[in-house]
Amino acid sequence: MSAVRSASRALQIFEAFGAEGRPLLLTEIAPSIDVPLSSCYGLVQTLLERGYLYAVSRRRGFYPTRKLHTLSTAIVAKDPYLQRLLPHLERLRDAVSETVIVGTRQNDQVLYLEVLEGPQTIRYSASPGDFKPLHSSSIGKALLSLAPDDGVDTLAAKALLPAITPNTITDRDRLKADLKAGRARGYFMTRGENMVDVTALAAPMELEGMTVGVAIAGPSYRMEQSMETLADRLLDTVGTIKAVAS
């Protein structure tokens, strides 16, 4: 197994524990990461030796220690970008009572860097580390608008304009027109294009040379009732962050 594949499998092991929420036997871990039992044994042994897993018992299997949590907490606390954004994002989330997201472009996708879920029982839910398409997400559109020629032709040439929902814009000319309208408004929208019945709006910004998009997302029936207020709050927040960062 190559070093790159081993790293990927090790991460999948933690994702398996996260999905199951209980100790797992070796015979359960192996199929969940699609590797032979012998290869899985080697990965688990390495994680045991490094203190990332512990043996619950011979019959009950293994479970992660708090080492990964401690390490990730220390990393997040020293994040050079998000820690500066967080107070502003929290105020925006509290003001609009909807989910607030920060994302950046990674290759031809949007990578969520932070997600602050709204307090409503019915809300848009996501996690940091999630990937979303550029053409069907509000942050993706915001970031596409900064690319030469909107970057739409490049995506179309790579066949990267698939229909995620029946509402997804898959025609390059329509998408270009949508981005043009977004630039005129100052923010970019999706209405059920990435997830049915979810509306989102986003605006791009730069922070120390890093381009990100800030978005508000929630159920369409609620978002549509206060779109102007939401847009004003979003643009005010982005403007404040830019002013503080300059």
Protein backbone atom coordinates (compact mmCIF):
# COMPACT_ATOMS: atom_id res chain seq x y z
CA MET A 1 0.00 0.00 0.00
CA SER A 2 1.47 3.38 -1.03
CA ALA A 3 2.13 6.12 1.53
CA VAL A 4 -0.59 8.30 0.01
CA ARG A 5 -3.14 5.50 0.07
CA SER A 6 -2.17 4.57 3.63
CA ALA A 7 -2.76 8.15 4.75
CA SER A 8 -6.15 8.14 3.05
CA ARG A 9 -7.10 4.83 4.67
CA ALA A 10 -6.05 6.07 8.11
CA LEU A 11 -8.36 9.06 7.73
CA GLN A 12 -11.15 6.75 6.58
CA ILE A 13 -10.74 4.77 9.79
CA PHE A 14 -11.50 7.87 11.86
CA GLU A 15 -14.42 8.69 9.57
CA ALA A 16 -15.76 5.18 10.16
CA PHE A 17 -15.64 5.70 13.92
CA GLY A 18 -17.38 9.04 13.47
CA ALA A 19 -20.13 7.46 11.41
CA GLU A 20 -20.68 4.49 13.72
CA GLY A 21 -20.15 6.22 17.07
CA ARG A 22 -19.04 3.03 18.84
CA PRO A 23 -16.03 0.71 19.20
CA LEU A 24 -15.30 -1.29 16.06
CA LEU A 25 -13.78 -4.70 15.53
CA LEU A 26 -10.99 -5.17 13.01
CA THR A 27 -13.43 -7.22 10.92
CA GLU A 28 -15.75 -4.19 10.84
CA ILE A 29 -13.08 -1.61 10.09
CA ALA A 30 -11.57 -3.47 7.12
CA PRO A 31 -14.72 -3.55 4.93
CA SER A 32 -15.63 0.02 5.88
CA ILE A 33 -12.37 1.26 4.34
CA ASP A 34 -12.32 -1.39 1.60
CA VAL A 35 -8.98 -3.04 2.41
CA PRO A 36 -7.95 -6.63 3.19
CA LEU A 37 -7.89 -7.63 6.84
CA SER A 38 -4.09 -7.90 6.80
CA SER A 39 -3.64 -4.33 5.52
CA CYS A 40 -6.20 -3.02 7.99
CA TYR A 41 -4.34 -4.75 10.83
CA GLY A 42 -1.17 -2.86 9.93
CA LEU A 43 -2.96 0.50 9.89
CA VAL A 44 -4.70 -0.14 13.20
CA GLN A 45 -1.45 -1.27 14.81
CA THR A 46 0.25 1.95 13.72
CA LEU A 47 -2.58 4.05 15.19
CA LEU A 48 -2.41 2.02 18.41
CA GLU A 49 1.34 2.54 18.67
CA ARG A 50 0.97 6.29 18.05
CA GLY A 51 -1.71 6.61 20.72
CA TYR A 52 -4.60 7.47 18.41
CA LEU A 53 -6.57 4.27 19.13
CA TYR A 54 -6.96 2.08 22.18
CA ALA A 55 -8.18 -1.49 22.53
CA VAL A 56 -11.50 -1.54 24.37
CA SER A 57 -11.28 -5.31 24.76
CA ARG A 58 -10.52 -8.27 22.55
CA ARG A 59 -14.20 -8.79 21.83
CA ARG A 60 -15.28 -5.17 21.58
CA GLY A 61 -12.53 -3.87 19.34
CA PHE A 62 -10.99 -0.40 19.20
CA TYR A 63 -11.93 3.22 19.72
CA PRO A 64 -10.10 6.55 19.19
CA THR A 65 -8.38 8.20 22.14
CA ARG A 66 -8.70 11.94 22.75
CA LYS A 67 -5.30 12.53 21.16
CA LEU A 68 -6.80 13.47 17.79
CA HIS A 69 -9.28 15.81 19.48
CA THR A 70 -6.51 17.49 21.49
CA LEU A 71 -4.36 17.89 18.40
CA SER A 72 -7.20 19.26 16.26
CA THR A 73 -8.26 21.68 19.00
CA ALA A 74 -4.73 23.08 19.17
CA ILE A 75 -4.61 23.41 15.38
CA VAL A 76 -7.96 25.20 15.17
CA ALA A 77 -7.02 27.59 17.98
CA LYS A 78 -4.00 28.74 15.96
CA ASP A 79 -5.71 29.01 12.57
CA PRO A 80 -4.33 32.27 11.10
CA TYR A 81 -7.48 33.07 9.14
CA LEU A 82 -10.59 31.62 10.72
CA GLN A 83 -9.87 32.84 14.24
CA ARG A 84 -9.95 36.40 12.91
CA LEU A 85 -13.20 35.77 11.06
CA LEU A 86 -15.00 33.84 13.77
CA PRO A 87 -16.35 36.75 15.90
CA HIS A 88 -17.83 38.40 12.80
CA LEU A 89 -19.31 35.12 11.57
CA GLU A 90 -20.87 34.41 14.95
CA ARG A 91 -22.49 37.85 15.02
CA LEU A 92 -23.86 37.28 11.52
CA ARG A 93 -25.22 33.85 12.47
CA ASP A 94 -26.88 35.28 15.59
CA ALA A 95 -28.34 38.21 13.65
CA VAL A 96 -29.92 36.15 10.86
CA SER A 97 -30.60 32.89 12.77
CA GLU A 98 -29.47 30.88 9.76
CA THR A 99 -26.38 28.83 8.97
CA VAL A 100 -23.25 30.80 8.07
CA ILE A 101 -20.48 29.22 6.00
CA VAL A 102 -16.97 30.16 4.91
CA GLY A 103 -15.43 28.36 1.97
CA THR A 104 -12.58 28.60 -0.47
CA ARG A 105 -11.78 27.13 -3.85
CA GLN A 106 -9.74 23.94 -3.95
CA ASN A 107 -9.10 22.87 -7.53
CA ASP A 108 -12.55 22.72 -9.15
CA GLN A 109 -14.60 22.50 -5.95
CA VAL A 110 -15.60 24.57 -2.95
CA LEU A 111 -14.09 23.45 0.33
CA TYR A 112 -16.01 24.44 3.46
CA LEU A 113 -13.60 25.87 6.03
CA GLU A 114 -16.11 26.75 8.74
CA VAL A 115 -19.80 26.11 9.30
CA LEU A 116 -21.78 27.85 12.04
CA GLU A 117 -25.20 26.23 12.04
CA GLY A 118 -28.23 28.34 12.82
CA PRO A 119 -30.35 27.81 15.95
CA GLN A 120 -33.50 26.78 14.09
CA THR A 121 -34.71 23.18 14.32
CA ILE A 122 -35.06 23.08 10.54
CA ARG A 123 -31.81 24.48 9.14
CA TYR A 124 -29.10 23.91 6.58
CA SER A 125 -26.50 21.52 8.00
CA ALA A 126 -22.97 20.88 6.76
CA SER A 127 -19.48 20.31 8.14
CA PRO A 128 -16.04 21.86 7.69
CA GLY A 129 -14.18 19.81 5.12
CA ASP A 130 -17.26 19.22 2.96
CA PHE A 131 -16.80 19.74 -0.78
CA LYS A 132 -19.44 21.37 -3.00
CA PRO A 133 -19.57 22.02 -6.76
CA LEU A 134 -18.56 25.48 -7.93
CA HIS A 135 -21.48 26.01 -10.30
CA SER A 136 -24.32 24.99 -7.98
CA SER A 137 -23.27 26.55 -4.66
CA SER A 138 -23.51 30.21 -3.71
CA ILE A 139 -19.90 30.32 -2.50
CA GLY A 140 -18.82 28.59 -5.70
CA LYS A 141 -20.54 31.22 -7.80
CA ALA A 142 -18.98 34.00 -5.73
CA LEU A 143 -15.53 32.52 -6.31
CA LEU A 144 -16.18 31.77 -9.98
CA SER A 145 -17.07 35.42 -10.53
CA LEU A 146 -13.47 36.36 -9.74
CA ALA A 147 -11.95 33.98 -12.30
CA PRO A 148 -11.06 35.07 -15.85
CA ASP A 149 -14.16 34.78 -18.03
CA ASP A 150 -15.98 33.57 -14.89
CA GLY A 151 -14.15 30.26 -15.18
CA VAL A 152 -17.35 28.83 -16.65
CA ASP A 153 -15.85 27.81 -19.99
CA THR A 154 -13.09 25.91 -18.19
CA LEU A 155 -15.63 24.01 -16.09
CA ALA A 156 -17.77 23.28 -19.14
CA ALA A 157 -14.74 21.96 -21.02
CA LYS A 158 -14.09 19.56 -18.14
CA ALA A 159 -17.77 18.51 -18.08
CA LEU A 160 -18.05 19.96 -14.58
CA LEU A 161 -21.52 21.49 -14.89
CA PRO A 162 -23.66 18.49 -13.89
CA ALA A 163 -27.25 18.74 -12.69
CA ILE A 164 -27.06 18.32 -8.92
CA THR A 165 -30.81 19.00 -8.63
CA PRO A 166 -33.49 19.78 -11.21
CA ASN A 167 -32.82 23.47 -10.49
CA THR A 168 -29.08 23.42 -11.19
CA ILE A 169 -27.92 25.75 -13.95
CA THR A 170 -26.01 23.53 -16.39
CA ASP A 171 -25.98 25.81 -19.44
CA ARG A 172 -22.81 27.90 -19.64
CA ASP A 173 -24.53 30.99 -21.05
CA ARG A 174 -27.20 30.94 -18.35
CA LEU A 175 -24.54 30.51 -15.69
CA LYS A 176 -22.53 33.42 -17.07
CA ALA A 177 -25.66 35.58 -17.01
CA ASP A 178 -26.33 34.49 -13.43
CA LEU A 179 -22.81 35.48 -12.38
CA LYS A 180 -23.18 38.83 -14.14
CA ALA A 181 -26.37 39.50 -12.20
CA GLY A 182 -24.59 38.53 -8.99
CA ARG A 183 -21.78 40.98 -9.61
CA ALA A 184 -24.34 43.73 -10.16
CA ARG A 185 -26.07 42.89 -6.85
CA GLY A 186 -22.85 42.39 -4.95
CA TYR A 187 -23.79 38.85 -3.88
CA PHE A 188 -24.53 35.50 -5.50
CA MET A 189 -27.48 33.17 -5.01
CA THR A 190 -28.59 29.60 -5.36
CA ARG A 191 -32.23 28.58 -5.13
CA GLY A 192 -32.46 24.82 -4.74
CA GLU A 193 -29.54 24.32 -7.14
CA ASN A 194 -27.29 22.36 -4.81
CA MET A 195 -29.95 21.00 -2.45
CA VAL A 196 -33.66 21.11 -3.11
CA ASP A 197 -35.56 23.58 -0.89
CA VAL A 198 -32.35 25.31 0.26
CA THR A 199 -31.58 28.90 -0.69
CA ALA A 200 -28.18 30.50 -0.12
CA LEU A 201 -26.46 33.78 -0.82
CA ALA A 202 -22.74 34.50 -0.71
CA ALA A 203 -20.19 37.24 -1.25
CA PRO A 204 -16.47 36.90 -1.95
CA MET A 205 -13.68 38.60 -0.06
CA GLU A 206 -9.92 38.52 0.35
CA LEU A 207 -8.08 38.14 3.62
CA GLU A 208 -4.30 38.47 3.48
CA GLY A 209 -4.21 37.21 -0.08
CA MET A 210 -6.61 34.31 0.53
CA THR A 211 -9.91 34.45 -1.35
CA VAL A 212 -12.94 33.06 0.45
CA GLY A 213 -16.70 33.21 0.16
CA VAL A 214 -19.03 33.93 3.07
CA ALA A 215 -22.54 32.52 2.77
CA ILE A 216 -25.88 32.39 4.54
CA ALA A 217 -27.96 29.28 3.86
CA GLY A 218 -31.31 28.01 5.04
CA PRO A 219 -34.68 26.59 4.04
CA SER A 220 -36.03 28.41 1.00
CA TYR A 221 -39.41 29.18 2.57
CA ARG A 222 -37.68 31.16 5.32
CA MET A 223 -34.84 32.69 3.31
CA GLU A 224 -37.12 34.06 0.60
CA GLN A 225 -39.18 35.99 3.15
CA SER A 226 -36.24 38.16 4.23
CA MET A 227 -33.81 38.09 1.31
CA GLU A 228 -33.07 41.83 1.30
CA THR A 229 -32.35 41.88 5.03
CA LEU A 230 -30.14 38.80 4.74
CA ALA A 231 -28.22 40.31 1.84
CA ASP A 232 -27.69 43.56 3.74
CA ARG A 233 -26.41 41.67 6.78
CA LEU A 234 -24.07 39.59 4.64
CA LEU A 235 -22.60 42.56 2.80
CA ASP A 236 -22.23 44.54 6.04
CA THR A 237 -20.31 41.65 7.60
CA VAL A 238 -18.02 41.22 4.60
CA GLY A 239 -17.43 44.97 4.53
CA THR A 240 -16.57 45.02 8.22
CA ILE A 241 -14.11 42.16 7.87
CA LYS A 242 -12.43 43.87 4.93
CA ALA A 243 -12.14 47.13 6.88
CA VAL A 244 -10.65 45.42 9.92
CA ALA A 245 -8.22 43.40 7.80
CA SER A 246 -6.97 46.39 5.79
